[in-house]
């Protein structure tokens, strides 16, 4: 089972999925103050489409937001589409 990992560097962060030491998917965000992150880009390597990696990363972002008590602004069209399809995630918007 692919594990979503999180890397934070100053005011930016990346949720990513690594398989056999190679990054296969990533979703980047920036912190907007202390109470919000803005998801700005989602990318899944070719050959991994349809594996649900993108949704897994959005799920990890939602869990992170719950944990930290912050909100998410999904500027990335993919992330926004996941929020549109999954009503349970909208409490962090």
Protein backbone atom coordinates (compact mmCIF):
# COMPACT_ATOMS: atom_id res chain seq x y z
CA UNK A 1 0.00 0.00 0.00
CA UNK A 2 1.42 3.38 -1.02
CA UNK A 3 2.03 5.71 1.86
CA UNK A 4 1.59 9.45 1.39
CA UNK A 5 4.54 11.32 2.87
CA UNK A 6 4.85 14.97 3.79
CA UNK A 7 7.82 17.29 3.39
CA UNK A 8 7.70 20.89 4.65
CA UNK A 9 10.27 23.51 3.75
CA UNK A 10 9.68 26.96 5.29
CA UNK A 11 6.29 28.11 3.98
CA UNK A 12 5.92 25.42 1.32
CA UNK A 13 5.08 21.77 1.51
CA UNK A 14 4.66 18.66 -0.60
CA UNK A 15 2.56 15.56 -0.10
CA UNK A 16 4.11 12.80 -2.17
CA UNK A 17 4.04 9.09 -2.91
CA UNK A 18 7.28 7.22 -3.39
CA UNK A 19 7.47 3.71 -4.83
CA UNK A 20 10.74 1.80 -4.76
CA UNK A 21 12.63 4.99 -3.94
CA UNK A 22 11.14 6.97 -6.83
CA UNK A 23 8.63 9.80 -6.40
CA UNK A 24 5.58 8.83 -8.46
CA UNK A 25 3.12 11.54 -7.40
CA UNK A 26 3.20 14.89 -5.64
CA UNK A 27 0.90 17.66 -4.55
CA UNK A 28 2.41 20.99 -3.57
CA UNK A 29 1.03 23.65 -1.26
CA UNK A 30 2.00 26.93 0.38
CA UNK A 31 1.11 28.21 3.81
CA UNK A 32 -1.05 31.35 3.83
CA UNK A 33 -0.47 32.63 7.33
CA UNK A 34 -0.83 30.17 10.20
CA UNK A 35 -4.34 29.01 9.48
CA UNK A 36 -4.51 28.06 5.83
CA UNK A 37 -2.71 26.07 3.17
CA UNK A 38 -3.20 26.63 -0.55
CA UNK A 39 -2.91 23.52 -2.74
CA UNK A 40 -1.45 24.80 -5.99
CA UNK A 41 -0.36 21.78 -8.01
CA UNK A 42 -0.92 18.04 -8.29
CA UNK A 43 1.17 15.79 -10.51
CA UNK A 44 1.09 12.03 -11.03
CA UNK A 45 3.76 10.34 -13.14
CA UNK A 46 2.73 8.67 -16.36
CA UNK A 47 1.67 5.07 -15.89
CA UNK A 48 0.09 5.81 -12.51
CA UNK A 49 -3.15 7.33 -13.74
CA UNK A 50 -6.26 5.75 -12.26
CA UNK A 51 -4.45 4.42 -9.19
CA UNK A 52 -6.05 6.97 -6.89
CA UNK A 53 -2.76 8.62 -5.94
CA UNK A 54 -4.18 12.13 -6.33
CA UNK A 55 -7.14 11.42 -4.09
CA UNK A 56 -4.84 9.79 -1.51
CA UNK A 57 -2.76 12.96 -1.38
CA UNK A 58 -5.84 15.18 -1.02
CA UNK A 59 -7.04 12.86 1.77
CA UNK A 60 -3.66 13.28 3.50
CA UNK A 61 -3.99 17.07 3.18
CA UNK A 62 -7.47 16.95 4.76
CA UNK A 63 -6.14 14.81 7.64
CA UNK A 64 -3.26 17.27 8.08
CA UNK A 65 -5.71 20.20 8.15
CA UNK A 66 -7.83 18.45 10.80
CA UNK A 67 -4.73 17.70 12.85
CA UNK A 68 -3.46 21.28 12.72
CA UNK A 69 -6.86 23.01 12.88
CA UNK A 70 -6.32 24.83 9.59
CA UNK A 71 -8.25 25.29 6.34
CA UNK A 72 -7.42 24.44 2.72
CA UNK A 73 -7.84 26.55 -0.39
CA UNK A 74 -7.66 24.18 -3.39
CA UNK A 75 -6.46 26.38 -6.27
CA UNK A 76 -5.28 23.31 -8.17
CA UNK A 77 -8.13 22.15 -10.46
CA UNK A 78 -7.55 18.49 -9.62
CA UNK A 79 -7.66 19.05 -5.85
CA UNK A 80 -10.75 21.24 -6.29
CA UNK A 81 -12.46 18.45 -8.24
CA UNK A 82 -11.82 16.02 -5.37
CA UNK A 83 -13.38 18.47 -2.89
CA UNK A 84 -16.36 18.85 -5.25
CA UNK A 85 -16.83 15.06 -5.34
CA UNK A 86 -16.24 14.29 -1.65
CA UNK A 87 -18.59 16.26 0.61
CA UNK A 88 -16.94 14.89 3.81
CA UNK A 89 -13.75 16.80 2.95
CA UNK A 90 -15.47 20.20 2.75
CA UNK A 91 -15.27 20.93 6.47
CA UNK A 92 -11.68 22.10 5.93
CA UNK A 93 -12.48 24.56 3.16
